[in-house]
Amino acid sequence: MKNIITSIHSWLLHHANRKYHSPEFYAIKNRLLKKYGKHICYDVQFIEGKRCHTCGGTGIYSKHYDNYGFVSDVNYCWHCEGTGWYKRPVWNMLARLQFGKYTFHQPYQRSYAKPDNSIQIIEGYIEHNESKCSDFAATILFLIYERGYPKRWWKSAGSWYCKWYWPRNWMSSIIHILKYRSKSHLAIILQRKIKQMFEKKEESYCSDLSELPF
């Protein structure tokens, strides 16, 4: 029974993790991995830095002016404080955890110095492709582990889409109408259509009167 529960939870977390990055989701992810996750090893994620454009990455920029318009004696870049970096290169150490048949990463430590070459380095950000089950899996996890999730969901639900007639947008459109009623987009569209219809009838009535022989 325990293995079945672990498998279900790992499957839900795996698919939800491929799309969701909110603080509410990460709170659930950390909770599940702390309870069920088994540490395997560490990986290092390298995030490339960005040079300062003001000084060209040199850290030196002499064209500073004081309050009176005179060139000051300061020869370091004020924007990067002489470092030459707008964003410094960073190496994030990630703990790799085994949960069920899936592996997950969690931030462990950040360093601005290159670590030992024996550790595997991941270049750039870790990207996850959304799956068809991502929304379903995340909803189940939120319902189980987040207190007050239905209330939070109701506040955020009800977006109006231009293609509201698509089946996948029906639920959101219905919630939007229930929440906003006379101020909903559908009510505004209907009001415009009715107004245009009456204006056309009034124009046709006036044109008929202008053609009368008296």
N, C-alpha and C. Protein backbone atom coordinates (compact mmCIF):
# COMPACT_ATOMS: atom_id res chain seq x y z
N MET A 1 0.83 -1.21 0.00
CA MET A 1 0.00 0.00 0.00
C MET A 1 0.87 1.26 0.00
N LYS A 2 1.95 1.22 0.78
CA LYS A 2 2.84 2.36 0.86
C LYS A 2 3.50 2.63 -0.48
N ASN A 3 3.90 1.56 -1.19
CA ASN A 3 4.51 1.73 -2.50
C ASN A 3 3.55 2.33 -3.52
N ILE A 4 2.27 1.96 -3.41
CA ILE A 4 1.26 2.50 -4.32
C ILE A 4 1.07 4.00 -4.08
N ILE A 5 1.00 4.39 -2.81
CA ILE A 5 0.85 5.81 -2.46
C ILE A 5 2.06 6.61 -2.95
N THR A 6 3.25 6.04 -2.75
CA THR A 6 4.47 6.71 -3.20
C THR A 6 4.48 6.88 -4.71
N SER A 7 4.07 5.84 -5.43
CA SER A 7 4.04 5.89 -6.90
C SER A 7 3.07 6.95 -7.39
N ILE A 8 1.90 7.00 -6.77
CA ILE A 8 0.89 7.99 -7.18
C ILE A 8 1.38 9.41 -6.92
N HIS A 9 1.95 9.62 -5.73
CA HIS A 9 2.45 10.95 -5.39
C HIS A 9 3.60 11.37 -6.30
N SER A 10 4.49 10.46 -6.60
CA SER A 10 5.62 10.81 -7.47
C SER A 10 5.14 11.12 -8.88
N TRP A 11 4.13 10.39 -9.36
CA TRP A 11 3.57 10.65 -10.69
C TRP A 11 2.92 12.03 -10.74
N LEU A 12 2.14 12.36 -9.72
CA LEU A 12 1.48 13.67 -9.66
C LEU A 12 2.52 14.79 -9.60
N LEU A 13 3.54 14.62 -8.77
CA LEU A 13 4.55 15.66 -8.62
C LEU A 13 5.36 15.82 -9.90
N HIS A 14 5.66 14.72 -10.57
CA HIS A 14 6.43 14.78 -11.81
C HIS A 14 5.71 15.60 -12.87
N HIS A 15 4.45 15.34 -13.09
CA HIS A 15 3.69 16.04 -14.13
C HIS A 15 3.39 17.48 -13.74
N ALA A 16 3.09 17.72 -12.48
CA ALA A 16 2.84 19.10 -12.03
C ALA A 16 4.11 19.93 -12.11
N ASN A 17 5.25 19.31 -11.83
CA ASN A 17 6.54 20.01 -11.83
C ASN A 17 6.95 20.46 -13.23
N ARG A 18 6.35 19.89 -14.26
CA ARG A 18 6.69 20.23 -15.63
C ARG A 18 6.05 21.54 -16.09
N LYS A 19 5.15 22.07 -15.25
CA LYS A 19 4.48 23.32 -15.63
C LYS A 19 4.50 24.38 -14.54
N TYR A 20 4.26 23.99 -13.31
CA TYR A 20 4.01 24.96 -12.23
C TYR A 20 5.30 25.36 -11.52
N HIS A 21 5.40 26.68 -11.21
CA HIS A 21 6.58 27.22 -10.54
C HIS A 21 6.18 28.24 -9.47
N SER A 22 4.99 28.15 -8.98
CA SER A 22 4.51 29.12 -7.99
C SER A 22 5.02 28.76 -6.60
N PRO A 23 5.05 29.74 -5.68
CA PRO A 23 5.46 29.45 -4.29
C PRO A 23 4.58 28.40 -3.63
N GLU A 24 3.27 28.41 -3.96
CA GLU A 24 2.36 27.42 -3.38
C GLU A 24 2.74 26.00 -3.83
N PHE A 25 3.13 25.88 -5.10
CA PHE A 25 3.51 24.55 -5.60
C PHE A 25 4.84 24.10 -4.99
N TYR A 26 5.82 25.01 -4.91
CA TYR A 26 7.12 24.62 -4.36
C TYR A 26 7.03 24.24 -2.89
N ALA A 27 6.07 24.83 -2.17
CA ALA A 27 5.87 24.43 -0.77
C ALA A 27 5.44 22.97 -0.69
N ILE A 28 4.56 22.56 -1.61
CA ILE A 28 4.12 21.16 -1.66
C ILE A 28 5.25 20.25 -2.12
N LYS A 29 6.00 20.70 -3.13
CA LYS A 29 7.11 19.90 -3.65
C LYS A 29 8.15 19.65 -2.57
N ASN A 30 8.52 20.69 -1.83
CA ASN A 30 9.51 20.54 -0.76
C ASN A 30 9.00 19.59 0.33
N ARG A 31 7.73 19.69 0.61
CA ARG A 31 7.14 18.83 1.65
C ARG A 31 7.19 17.36 1.24
N LEU A 32 6.84 17.06 -0.01
CA LEU A 32 6.82 15.68 -0.48
C LEU A 32 8.23 15.11 -0.59
N LEU A 33 9.16 15.92 -1.12
CA LEU A 33 10.53 15.42 -1.27
C LEU A 33 11.22 15.23 0.08
N LYS A 34 10.88 16.05 1.04
CA LYS A 34 11.44 15.89 2.38
C LYS A 34 10.96 14.59 3.02
N LYS A 35 9.73 14.20 2.70
CA LYS A 35 9.16 13.01 3.31
C LYS A 35 9.53 11.74 2.54
N TYR A 36 9.48 11.81 1.19
CA TYR A 36 9.66 10.60 0.38
C TYR A 36 10.96 10.57 -0.40
N GLY A 37 11.59 11.71 -0.64
CA GLY A 37 12.75 11.77 -1.52
C GLY A 37 13.99 11.10 -0.93
N LYS A 38 14.75 10.46 -1.79
CA LYS A 38 16.00 9.81 -1.40
C LYS A 38 17.15 10.49 -2.13
N HIS A 39 18.09 11.04 -1.36
CA HIS A 39 19.20 11.77 -1.97
C HIS A 39 20.11 10.84 -2.77
N ILE A 40 20.45 11.29 -4.01
CA ILE A 40 21.33 10.49 -4.88
C ILE A 40 22.71 11.13 -4.95
N CYS A 41 22.74 12.39 -5.41
CA CYS A 41 24.01 13.08 -5.57
C CYS A 41 23.73 14.57 -5.74
N TYR A 42 24.76 15.31 -6.13
CA TYR A 42 24.62 16.74 -6.39
C TYR A 42 24.95 17.04 -7.85
N ASP A 43 24.20 17.93 -8.44
CA ASP A 43 24.50 18.47 -9.77
C ASP A 43 24.72 19.97 -9.62
N VAL A 44 25.46 20.54 -10.56
CA VAL A 44 25.73 21.97 -10.54
C VAL A 44 25.13 22.62 -11.78
N GLN A 45 24.37 23.66 -11.56
CA GLN A 45 23.74 24.41 -12.64
C GLN A 45 24.51 25.72 -12.84
N PHE A 46 25.05 25.92 -14.05
CA PHE A 46 25.82 27.12 -14.34
C PHE A 46 24.94 28.13 -15.07
N ILE A 47 24.83 29.34 -14.49
CA ILE A 47 24.09 30.43 -15.11
C ILE A 47 25.10 31.47 -15.57
N GLU A 48 25.15 31.68 -16.89
CA GLU A 48 26.12 32.60 -17.46
C GLU A 48 25.85 34.03 -17.02
N GLY A 49 26.89 34.77 -16.72
CA GLY A 49 26.75 36.15 -16.27
C GLY A 49 26.59 37.12 -17.43
N LYS A 50 26.33 38.39 -17.09
CA LYS A 50 26.16 39.45 -18.08
C LYS A 50 27.13 40.59 -17.75
N ARG A 51 27.91 40.99 -18.75
CA ARG A 51 28.86 42.07 -18.57
C ARG A 51 28.15 43.43 -18.48
N CYS A 52 28.76 44.36 -17.78
CA CYS A 52 28.21 45.70 -17.65
C CYS A 52 28.41 46.45 -18.96
N HIS A 53 27.31 47.00 -19.53
CA HIS A 53 27.41 47.72 -20.81
C HIS A 53 28.00 49.11 -20.62
N THR A 54 27.88 49.69 -19.45
CA THR A 54 28.36 51.05 -19.23
C THR A 54 29.87 51.15 -19.36
N CYS A 55 30.57 50.18 -18.76
CA CYS A 55 32.04 50.21 -18.81
C CYS A 55 32.60 49.15 -19.75
N GLY A 56 31.73 48.40 -20.42
CA GLY A 56 32.20 47.36 -21.34
C GLY A 56 32.82 46.18 -20.64
N GLY A 57 32.49 46.00 -19.34
CA GLY A 57 33.02 44.87 -18.60
C GLY A 57 34.39 45.10 -18.01
N THR A 58 34.92 46.31 -18.14
CA THR A 58 36.26 46.60 -17.61
C THR A 58 36.23 47.02 -16.15
N GLY A 59 35.10 47.57 -15.70
CA GLY A 59 34.99 48.08 -14.35
C GLY A 59 35.51 49.50 -14.21
N ILE A 60 36.02 50.07 -15.31
CA ILE A 60 36.59 51.43 -15.30
C ILE A 60 35.76 52.33 -16.21
N TYR A 61 35.34 53.46 -15.69
CA TYR A 61 34.56 54.43 -16.46
C TYR A 61 34.84 55.81 -15.87
N SER A 62 35.59 56.62 -16.59
CA SER A 62 36.09 57.88 -16.04
C SER A 62 35.19 59.08 -16.30
N LYS A 63 34.18 58.94 -17.16
CA LYS A 63 33.35 60.09 -17.52
C LYS A 63 32.21 60.29 -16.53
N HIS A 64 32.55 60.51 -15.28
CA HIS A 64 31.56 60.82 -14.25
C HIS A 64 31.56 62.32 -13.99
N TYR A 65 30.39 62.86 -13.78
CA TYR A 65 30.25 64.29 -13.54
C TYR A 65 29.65 64.52 -12.16
N ASP A 66 30.15 65.58 -11.50
CA ASP A 66 29.60 65.91 -10.19
C ASP A 66 28.39 66.82 -10.35
N ASN A 67 27.89 67.36 -9.24
CA ASN A 67 26.69 68.19 -9.28
C ASN A 67 26.87 69.50 -10.05
N TYR A 68 28.13 69.89 -10.29
CA TYR A 68 28.42 71.16 -10.97
C TYR A 68 28.78 70.96 -12.44
N GLY A 69 28.71 69.71 -12.91
CA GLY A 69 28.99 69.43 -14.31
C GLY A 69 30.45 69.21 -14.64
N PHE A 70 31.31 69.09 -13.63
CA PHE A 70 32.73 68.85 -13.87
C PHE A 70 33.03 67.35 -13.77
N VAL A 71 34.02 66.93 -14.54
CA VAL A 71 34.41 65.52 -14.51
C VAL A 71 35.07 65.21 -13.17
N SER A 72 34.60 64.16 -12.50
CA SER A 72 35.16 63.79 -11.20
C SER A 72 36.38 62.91 -11.39
N ASP A 73 37.08 62.69 -10.30
CA ASP A 73 38.31 61.89 -10.34
C ASP A 73 38.05 60.40 -10.21
N VAL A 74 36.79 60.02 -9.98
CA VAL A 74 36.47 58.61 -9.80
C VAL A 74 36.62 57.88 -11.13
N ASN A 75 37.37 56.81 -11.16
CA ASN A 75 37.61 56.10 -12.41
C ASN A 75 37.03 54.69 -12.43
N TYR A 76 36.20 54.36 -11.45
CA TYR A 76 35.54 53.05 -11.50
C TYR A 76 34.07 53.24 -11.87
N CYS A 77 33.49 52.20 -12.41
CA CYS A 77 32.11 52.27 -12.90
C CYS A 77 31.15 52.25 -11.72
N TRP A 78 30.28 53.22 -11.67
CA TRP A 78 29.30 53.29 -10.59
C TRP A 78 28.18 52.26 -10.75
N HIS A 79 27.93 51.86 -12.00
CA HIS A 79 26.82 50.93 -12.25
C HIS A 79 27.12 49.52 -11.75
N CYS A 80 28.35 49.09 -11.92
CA CYS A 80 28.74 47.74 -11.48
C CYS A 80 29.69 47.77 -10.29
N GLU A 81 29.96 48.98 -9.78
CA GLU A 81 30.86 49.17 -8.64
C GLU A 81 32.26 48.60 -8.90
N GLY A 82 32.68 48.73 -10.14
CA GLY A 82 34.04 48.33 -10.50
C GLY A 82 34.23 46.85 -10.75
N THR A 83 33.16 46.06 -10.71
CA THR A 83 33.30 44.62 -10.91
C THR A 83 33.31 44.24 -12.39
N GLY A 84 32.68 45.06 -13.22
CA GLY A 84 32.59 44.74 -14.63
C GLY A 84 31.42 43.84 -14.98
N TRP A 85 30.66 43.46 -13.96
CA TRP A 85 29.53 42.54 -14.18
C TRP A 85 28.20 43.22 -13.85
N TYR A 86 27.25 43.08 -14.77
CA TYR A 86 25.87 43.47 -14.47
C TYR A 86 25.22 42.36 -13.65
N LYS A 87 25.45 41.11 -14.06
CA LYS A 87 25.08 39.92 -13.29
C LYS A 87 26.26 38.98 -13.31
N ARG A 88 26.74 38.62 -12.14
CA ARG A 88 27.90 37.75 -12.06
C ARG A 88 27.54 36.31 -12.43
N PRO A 89 28.48 35.56 -13.02
CA PRO A 89 28.23 34.13 -13.27
C PRO A 89 28.01 33.41 -11.94
N VAL A 90 27.10 32.47 -11.94
CA VAL A 90 26.78 31.79 -10.69
C VAL A 90 26.67 30.29 -10.94
N TRP A 91 27.13 29.52 -9.95
CA TRP A 91 27.01 28.07 -9.98
C TRP A 91 26.07 27.66 -8.84
N ASN A 92 24.92 27.10 -9.21
CA ASN A 92 23.94 26.65 -8.23
C ASN A 92 24.10 25.15 -8.00
N MET A 93 24.37 24.77 -6.79
CA MET A 93 24.45 23.35 -6.47
C MET A 93 23.05 22.82 -6.18
N LEU A 94 22.65 21.77 -6.91
CA LEU A 94 21.32 21.19 -6.80
C LEU A 94 21.42 19.78 -6.25
N ALA A 95 20.57 19.48 -5.30
CA ALA A 95 20.49 18.12 -4.78
C ALA A 95 19.55 17.30 -5.66
N ARG A 96 20.05 16.18 -6.16
CA ARG A 96 19.21 15.29 -6.98
C ARG A 96 18.58 14.24 -6.07
N LEU A 97 17.26 14.16 -6.12
CA LEU A 97 16.51 13.26 -5.25
C LEU A 97 15.71 12.26 -6.07
N GLN A 98 15.64 11.05 -5.57
CA GLN A 98 14.84 10.01 -6.19
C GLN A 98 13.53 9.88 -5.44
N PHE A 99 12.43 10.02 -6.18
CA PHE A 99 11.10 9.90 -5.58
C PHE A 99 10.28 9.01 -6.50
N GLY A 100 10.01 7.78 -6.06
CA GLY A 100 9.37 6.82 -6.94
C GLY A 100 10.31 6.48 -8.09
N LYS A 101 9.81 6.51 -9.31
CA LYS A 101 10.67 6.25 -10.48
C LYS A 101 11.14 7.55 -11.14
N TYR A 102 10.90 8.69 -10.50
CA TYR A 102 11.28 9.98 -11.06
C TYR A 102 12.36 10.64 -10.21
N THR A 103 13.15 11.49 -10.85
CA THR A 103 14.18 12.25 -10.14
C THR A 103 13.82 13.73 -10.15
N PHE A 104 14.17 14.42 -9.08
CA PHE A 104 13.87 15.84 -8.94
C PHE A 104 15.11 16.57 -8.44
N HIS A 105 15.15 17.87 -8.70
CA HIS A 105 16.24 18.72 -8.23
C HIS A 105 15.71 19.73 -7.22
N GLN A 106 16.53 20.00 -6.22
CA GLN A 106 16.23 21.04 -5.24
C GLN A 106 17.46 21.90 -5.00
N PRO A 107 17.29 23.23 -4.91
CA PRO A 107 18.45 24.10 -4.66
C PRO A 107 19.10 23.76 -3.32
N TYR A 108 20.42 23.72 -3.32
CA TYR A 108 21.16 23.41 -2.10
C TYR A 108 22.11 24.53 -1.70
N GLN A 109 22.90 25.03 -2.64
CA GLN A 109 23.89 26.04 -2.32
C GLN A 109 24.23 26.84 -3.58
N ARG A 110 24.58 28.11 -3.39
CA ARG A 110 24.95 28.99 -4.50
C ARG A 110 26.39 29.44 -4.32
N SER A 111 27.14 29.45 -5.44
CA SER A 111 28.54 29.85 -5.38
C SER A 111 28.88 30.71 -6.59
N TYR A 112 29.75 31.69 -6.38
CA TYR A 112 30.23 32.53 -7.47
C TYR A 112 31.62 32.11 -7.93
N ALA A 113 32.08 30.97 -7.44
CA ALA A 113 33.35 30.39 -7.87
C ALA A 113 33.09 29.01 -8.46
N LYS A 114 33.80 28.66 -9.52
CA LYS A 114 33.59 27.39 -10.19
C LYS A 114 33.95 26.24 -9.25
N PRO A 115 33.06 25.27 -9.10
CA PRO A 115 33.33 24.15 -8.19
C PRO A 115 34.26 23.11 -8.81
N ASP A 116 34.41 22.02 -8.10
CA ASP A 116 35.27 20.92 -8.55
C ASP A 116 34.76 20.39 -9.89
N ASN A 117 35.68 20.12 -10.82
CA ASN A 117 35.30 19.63 -12.16
C ASN A 117 34.70 18.24 -12.14
N SER A 118 34.83 17.52 -11.03
CA SER A 118 34.30 16.16 -10.97
C SER A 118 32.78 16.14 -10.87
N ILE A 119 32.18 17.29 -10.51
CA ILE A 119 30.73 17.38 -10.39
C ILE A 119 30.13 17.72 -11.74
N GLN A 120 29.04 17.04 -12.10
CA GLN A 120 28.36 17.29 -13.37
C GLN A 120 27.79 18.70 -13.40
N ILE A 121 28.04 19.44 -14.48
CA ILE A 121 27.57 20.81 -14.61
C ILE A 121 26.47 20.88 -15.66
N ILE A 122 25.35 21.48 -15.30
CA ILE A 122 24.23 21.68 -16.20
C ILE A 122 24.30 23.11 -16.71
N GLU A 123 24.39 23.28 -18.01
CA GLU A 123 24.50 24.61 -18.60
C GLU A 123 23.11 25.24 -18.72
N GLY A 124 22.93 26.43 -18.14
CA GLY A 124 21.67 27.15 -18.26
C GLY A 124 20.59 26.60 -17.36
N TYR A 125 19.36 27.07 -17.62
CA TYR A 125 18.22 26.70 -16.79
C TYR A 125 17.67 25.33 -17.20
N ILE A 126 17.12 24.63 -16.23
CA ILE A 126 16.50 23.33 -16.50
C ILE A 126 15.08 23.56 -17.00
N GLU A 127 14.82 23.13 -18.22
CA GLU A 127 13.51 23.36 -18.83
C GLU A 127 12.66 22.11 -18.77
N HIS A 128 11.38 22.30 -18.51
CA HIS A 128 10.42 21.20 -18.48
C HIS A 128 9.32 21.48 -19.48
N ASN A 129 9.00 20.50 -20.29
CA ASN A 129 7.90 20.63 -21.23
C ASN A 129 6.59 20.23 -20.56
N GLU A 130 5.59 21.07 -20.71
CA GLU A 130 4.29 20.81 -20.10
C GLU A 130 3.67 19.54 -20.69
N SER A 131 3.07 18.73 -19.84
CA SER A 131 2.40 17.52 -20.29
C SER A 131 0.89 17.71 -20.24
N LYS A 132 0.16 16.78 -20.82
CA LYS A 132 -1.30 16.87 -20.83
C LYS A 132 -1.89 16.71 -19.43
N CYS A 133 -1.13 16.08 -18.55
CA CYS A 133 -1.64 15.80 -17.20
C CYS A 133 -1.17 16.82 -16.17
N SER A 134 -0.45 17.86 -16.59
CA SER A 134 0.13 18.81 -15.64
C SER A 134 -0.93 19.51 -14.79
N ASP A 135 -1.97 20.03 -15.44
CA ASP A 135 -3.03 20.74 -14.71
C ASP A 135 -3.78 19.81 -13.77
N PHE A 136 -4.08 18.62 -14.26
CA PHE A 136 -4.80 17.65 -13.44
C PHE A 136 -3.99 17.26 -12.21
N ALA A 137 -2.70 16.97 -12.42
CA ALA A 137 -1.83 16.55 -11.32
C ALA A 137 -1.68 17.66 -10.28
N ALA A 138 -1.48 18.88 -10.75
CA ALA A 138 -1.31 20.00 -9.82
C ALA A 138 -2.59 20.25 -9.03
N THR A 139 -3.74 20.14 -9.67
CA THR A 139 -5.02 20.35 -8.97
C THR A 139 -5.20 19.34 -7.84
N ILE A 140 -4.87 18.08 -8.10
CA ILE A 140 -4.99 17.04 -7.07
C ILE A 140 -4.07 17.35 -5.88
N LEU A 141 -2.83 17.74 -6.18
CA LEU A 141 -1.88 18.05 -5.10
C LEU A 141 -2.33 19.26 -4.30
N PHE A 142 -2.83 20.28 -4.97
CA PHE A 142 -3.31 21.48 -4.26
C PHE A 142 -4.50 21.14 -3.36
N LEU A 143 -5.41 20.32 -3.86
CA LEU A 143 -6.58 19.95 -3.07
C LEU A 143 -6.20 19.15 -1.82
N ILE A 144 -5.16 18.34 -1.94
CA ILE A 144 -4.75 17.49 -0.81
C ILE A 144 -3.94 18.28 0.21
N TYR A 145 -2.99 19.11 -0.27
CA TYR A 145 -1.99 19.67 0.63
C TYR A 145 -2.13 21.17 0.91
N GLU A 146 -2.91 21.88 0.14
CA GLU A 146 -3.03 23.32 0.39
C GLU A 146 -4.39 23.65 1.02
N ARG A 147 -4.35 24.14 2.23
CA ARG A 147 -5.58 24.53 2.90
C ARG A 147 -6.10 25.83 2.27
N GLY A 148 -7.39 25.83 1.96
CA GLY A 148 -7.98 27.03 1.36
C GLY A 148 -7.75 27.14 -0.13
N TYR A 149 -7.31 26.04 -0.78
CA TYR A 149 -7.07 26.11 -2.22
C TYR A 149 -8.32 26.42 -3.03
N PRO A 150 -9.51 25.82 -2.72
CA PRO A 150 -10.72 26.16 -3.51
C PRO A 150 -11.00 27.66 -3.52
N LYS A 151 -10.79 28.33 -2.39
CA LYS A 151 -11.03 29.78 -2.33
C LYS A 151 -10.03 30.52 -3.19
N ARG A 152 -8.75 30.12 -3.13
CA ARG A 152 -7.73 30.76 -3.96
C ARG A 152 -7.98 30.49 -5.43
N TRP A 153 -8.41 29.28 -5.75
CA TRP A 153 -8.70 28.93 -7.14
C TRP A 153 -9.86 29.75 -7.67
N TRP A 154 -10.91 29.93 -6.85
CA TRP A 154 -12.08 30.68 -7.31
C TRP A 154 -11.71 32.13 -7.60
N LYS A 155 -10.81 32.72 -6.82
CA LYS A 155 -10.40 34.11 -7.04
C LYS A 155 -9.64 34.26 -8.35
N SER A 156 -8.81 33.26 -8.68
CA SER A 156 -7.99 33.36 -9.89
C SER A 156 -8.69 32.81 -11.13
N ALA A 157 -9.75 32.03 -10.96
CA ALA A 157 -10.44 31.42 -12.10
C ALA A 157 -11.39 32.43 -12.74
N GLY A 158 -11.79 32.12 -13.96
CA GLY A 158 -12.77 32.96 -14.64
C GLY A 158 -12.17 33.91 -15.65
N SER A 159 -11.06 33.52 -16.28
CA SER A 159 -10.49 34.36 -17.33
C SER A 159 -11.36 34.27 -18.58
N TRP A 160 -11.51 35.38 -19.26
CA TRP A 160 -12.32 35.41 -20.48
C TRP A 160 -11.40 35.32 -21.69
N TYR A 161 -11.69 34.37 -22.56
CA TYR A 161 -10.88 34.17 -23.76
C TYR A 161 -11.65 34.64 -24.98
N CYS A 162 -10.90 35.15 -25.96
CA CYS A 162 -11.55 35.58 -27.21
C CYS A 162 -12.27 34.40 -27.87
N LYS A 163 -11.64 33.26 -27.83
CA LYS A 163 -12.26 32.04 -28.38
C LYS A 163 -12.96 31.29 -27.26
N TRP A 164 -13.94 31.95 -26.65
CA TRP A 164 -14.67 31.37 -25.51
C TRP A 164 -15.50 30.17 -25.90
N TYR A 165 -15.79 30.04 -27.20
CA TYR A 165 -16.63 28.95 -27.68
C TYR A 165 -15.87 27.63 -27.81
N TRP A 166 -14.56 27.64 -27.62
CA TRP A 166 -13.81 26.38 -27.63
C TRP A 166 -14.17 25.58 -26.38
N PRO A 167 -14.33 24.27 -26.51
CA PRO A 167 -14.70 23.44 -25.33
C PRO A 167 -13.77 23.59 -24.15
N ARG A 168 -12.48 23.76 -24.39
CA ARG A 168 -11.54 23.86 -23.28
C ARG A 168 -11.68 25.18 -22.51
N ASN A 169 -12.36 26.16 -23.10
CA ASN A 169 -12.56 27.45 -22.45
C ASN A 169 -13.94 27.60 -21.84
N TRP A 170 -14.78 26.59 -21.96
CA TRP A 170 -16.16 26.70 -21.46
C TRP A 170 -16.21 26.92 -19.95
N MET A 171 -15.47 26.13 -19.20
CA MET A 171 -15.52 26.23 -17.75
C MET A 171 -15.08 27.61 -17.28
N SER A 172 -13.98 28.11 -17.83
CA SER A 172 -13.50 29.43 -17.44
C SER A 172 -14.50 30.51 -17.81
N SER A 173 -15.13 30.37 -18.97
CA SER A 173 -16.11 31.37 -19.42
C SER A 173 -17.35 31.37 -18.52
N ILE A 174 -17.81 30.18 -18.12
CA ILE A 174 -18.98 30.08 -17.25
C ILE A 174 -18.69 30.71 -15.89
N ILE A 175 -17.50 30.45 -15.35
CA ILE A 175 -17.12 31.05 -14.07
C ILE A 175 -17.04 32.57 -14.19
N HIS A 176 -16.51 33.04 -15.31
CA HIS A 176 -16.42 34.49 -15.54
C HIS A 176 -17.80 35.13 -15.53
N ILE A 177 -18.77 34.50 -16.17
CA ILE A 177 -20.15 35.03 -16.21
C ILE A 177 -20.77 35.01 -14.82
N LEU A 178 -20.55 33.92 -14.07
CA LEU A 178 -21.11 33.82 -12.72
C LEU A 178 -20.52 34.86 -11.77
N LYS A 179 -19.23 35.17 -11.94
CA LYS A 179 -18.56 36.10 -11.03
C LYS A 179 -18.90 37.55 -11.34
N TYR A 180 -18.99 37.90 -12.63
CA TYR A 180 -19.14 39.30 -13.00
C TYR A 180 -20.55 39.66 -13.51
N ARG A 181 -21.33 38.66 -13.90
CA ARG A 181 -22.73 38.85 -14.30
C ARG A 181 -22.90 39.98 -15.31
N SER A 182 -23.56 41.06 -14.90
CA SER A 182 -23.86 42.15 -15.85
C SER A 182 -22.60 42.87 -16.34
N LYS A 183 -21.47 42.70 -15.62
CA LYS A 183 -20.23 43.34 -16.01
C LYS A 183 -19.31 42.37 -16.77
N SER A 184 -19.78 41.19 -17.04
CA SER A 184 -18.98 40.21 -17.76
C SER A 184 -18.84 40.62 -19.23
N HIS A 185 -17.86 40.05 -19.88
CA HIS A 185 -17.63 40.38 -21.29
C HIS A 185 -18.81 39.93 -22.15
N LEU A 186 -19.42 38.81 -21.82
CA LEU A 186 -20.56 38.33 -22.59
C LEU A 186 -21.72 39.31 -22.48
N ALA A 187 -21.99 39.83 -21.28
CA ALA A 187 -23.07 40.80 -21.09
C ALA A 187 -22.80 42.08 -21.87
N ILE A 188 -21.55 42.53 -21.90
CA ILE A 188 -21.19 43.74 -22.65
C ILE A 188 -21.38 43.52 -24.14
N ILE A 189 -20.97 42.33 -24.62
CA ILE A 189 -21.13 42.01 -26.04
C ILE A 189 -22.61 41.99 -26.42
N LEU A 190 -23.46 41.37 -25.58
CA LEU A 190 -24.89 41.31 -25.85
C LEU A 190 -25.51 42.70 -25.85
N GLN A 191 -25.10 43.55 -24.91
CA GLN A 191 -25.62 44.91 -24.85
C GLN A 191 -25.28 45.69 -26.12
N ARG A 192 -24.07 45.50 -26.61
CA ARG A 192 -23.67 46.17 -27.86
C ARG A 192 -24.48 45.67 -29.04
N LYS A 193 -24.69 44.35 -29.10
CA LYS A 193 -25.46 43.77 -30.21
C LYS A 193 -26.90 44.30 -30.19
N ILE A 194 -27.51 44.35 -29.01
CA ILE A 194 -28.90 44.84 -28.89
C ILE A 194 -28.97 46.31 -29.27
N LYS A 195 -27.99 47.10 -28.83
CA LYS A 195 -27.97 48.52 -29.15
C LYS A 195 -27.83 48.73 -30.64
N GLN A 196 -26.95 47.97 -31.30
CA GLN A 196 -26.78 48.06 -32.74
C GLN A 196 -28.05 47.65 -33.48
N MET A 197 -28.74 46.64 -32.96
CA MET A 197 -29.97 46.18 -33.60
C MET A 197 -31.05 47.27 -33.56
N PHE A 198 -31.21 47.94 -32.41
CA PHE A 198 -32.20 49.01 -32.29
C PHE A 198 -31.81 50.22 -33.13
N GLU A 199 -30.51 50.51 -33.22
CA GLU A 199 -30.08 51.63 -34.04
C GLU A 199 -30.37 51.38 -35.51
N LYS A 200 -30.20 50.14 -35.96
CA LYS A 200 -30.51 49.81 -37.35
C LYS A 200 -32.01 49.92 -37.63
N LYS A 201 -32.83 49.48 -36.66
CA LYS A 201 -34.29 49.59 -36.83
C LYS A 201 -34.72 51.04 -36.89
N GLU A 202 -34.10 51.87 -36.05
CA GLU A 202 -34.44 53.29 -36.03
C GLU A 202 -34.03 53.97 -37.33
N GLU A 203 -32.89 53.60 -37.88
CA GLU A 203 -32.43 54.17 -39.15
C GLU A 203 -33.37 53.76 -40.29
N SER A 204 -33.79 52.50 -40.29
CA SER A 204 -34.70 52.03 -41.34
C SER A 204 -36.06 52.71 -41.23
N TYR A 205 -36.51 52.96 -40.00
CA TYR A 205 -37.80 53.63 -39.79
C TYR A 205 -37.73 55.08 -40.28
N CYS A 206 -36.64 55.78 -40.00
CA CYS A 206 -36.48 57.17 -40.44
C CYS A 206 -36.38 57.25 -41.96
N SER A 207 -35.70 56.28 -42.56
CA SER A 207 -35.58 56.28 -44.02
C SER A 207 -36.93 56.04 -44.69
N ASP A 208 -37.80 55.23 -44.06
CA ASP A 208 -39.14 54.99 -44.61
C ASP A 208 -39.97 56.25 -44.55
N LEU A 209 -39.85 57.01 -43.47
CA LEU A 209 -40.61 58.26 -43.31
C LEU A 209 -40.16 59.31 -44.32
N SER A 210 -38.89 59.35 -44.62
CA SER A 210 -38.38 60.35 -45.59
C SER A 210 -38.89 60.11 -46.99
N GLU A 211 -39.35 58.89 -47.30
CA GLU A 211 -39.81 58.58 -48.63
C GLU A 211 -41.31 58.82 -48.80
N LEU A 212 -42.01 59.18 -47.69
CA LEU A 212 -43.46 59.44 -47.79
C LEU A 212 -43.72 60.72 -48.60
N PRO A 213 -44.82 60.79 -49.42
CA PRO A 213 -45.10 61.95 -50.30
C PRO A 213 -45.80 63.09 -49.59
N PHE A 214 -45.51 63.40 -48.36
CA PHE A 214 -46.11 64.55 -47.67
C PHE A 214 -45.18 65.04 -46.56
